[in-house]
Structure formats: C-alpha cells, structure tokens
C-alpha cells in the first residue's frame, strides 16, 4: 500500500491521477463495483498505488470507508476513467502545467473535488471527466474548466443527456427554463416574445381573405417563439459532451 498522503495534497494528487495506466473500461468496472467491495479489498488494491488520489482519500478516512466515502471514491474513479488512455505527450504537458503552479493546482483541484462530491451519481461524474479530458486537448483556461463543471453539477441529469444527444438521435427535449437557470441557455427576452407575436399578427393580416358577401372564418395560429440559443459556455459544453 502506498504512503498515506496529507489532506492538503489531495487536490494536486487528483491531477496526478489523470492520464493513468488503467484502461477506461477497468476504471469504470472498479467504480461500479466499489460499493460491493469489502474495505480490506479497497485498502489492498493496486489502485492505491497507481492512483494517488484514491490512496489519499482512503488515508484521510483512516481506513474507515463508509457508504458516502465509497460513493465519493466511485465518482472520482469515474472522472479519472474519462481521462485514461490520453496521448503521452498531452499527459506530460498537463502534468507540467500542474507542477509549474502548485497554488493553482491546489485551488482548482480543491474546487473540482468539491464538485465531484456534490455531483449526483457517476453519470455526472463522467461528464466532469469529459471536461477535464477536453482541457488536456484544448487551450481553454482552468477557470473555464471549473465553470463548465459547475454547470454540470447544477443542471438536471436529464437535461444534460438531452444536451449531449446528437441531432439525429431521438429522446426527450431539455427543459429551457432549467438550462437558462444554470447558464447553459440564453434567457428568453421579452422583446423576442413580442417580436414573435407581432410577426405572427402581420402574417395573419397579409393572408386574411377579403370579406365580401359573408364572413370567412380565420384560424389564428399560436405565434412561434424561436429558441434564444445556447450561451458560449453552453455551446462549448454541448460540444465537449458530444465529442469526448
């Protein structure tokens, strides 16, 4: 078993656990079966050696792993699973960035651990992992990474699944109000609603038949208010959830 880590090293060790030697499938299996494993099996697992964050979490709890601890470690493993099998060059560059700024690593890592802990289930944890993996590939900032992860933590899982669904895939739509509330979707402005109503009335007037001898029934259609669209961060999150 590896040497227990001090609690203040956990944020940095989280970053050092990304891009590991495990396959994505094996980490997912470990995440899913963790709640069924005996504490002794966890303590003696090779995961403690190869994934510093897991060893640190177990050390902090002094070997007493209750249900909530197991849930947390399970979600951490699911995040890490999304960052496995990364190109070695990208992995090395990522580690260099972390080791070059330990203050940033501690700050961002602590927030990330908190968001993982709050995430409802491993499906959201996997989405957070996709954002971390995207950070390894793309030049956006760590603060932007945290912002995207905060959106995931706050949004309903059903809405996130709808957001990640490709255009040709069937499924229930997302809830506009919910996504507006977490900053993924732009809020609908009253001006847009009024413009839609005005455009609808103008269309009715143009198409209205000329009344001569008797009244002609006219059916007014409900004005269509088009979506206000995603915010820049929301569009970025949708692309990441689809592509990674």
Foldseek 3Di string as FASTA:
>chain_A
DDDADDPLCLLVLLLVQAAFPDALVVLLVCLVCLLVDDLVCQQPDCCVVGRVNSSHLCVVVVSDQDNLNSQLVSLSSLLRSLRYPDDPVLSVVSNVVCVVDVVVSSVLSVLLSVLSSLADGNVLSNLLSLLVNVVSVDPDDSVLSSLLSQLSSQADPQQLVQLQDDPPDDDDHHDQVRSCVSQFFPDDDPVLVVVQVVVQVVVCVVPPDDDDPDDDDDDRDDRDRDGPGTDPSNVVSNCSSNPD
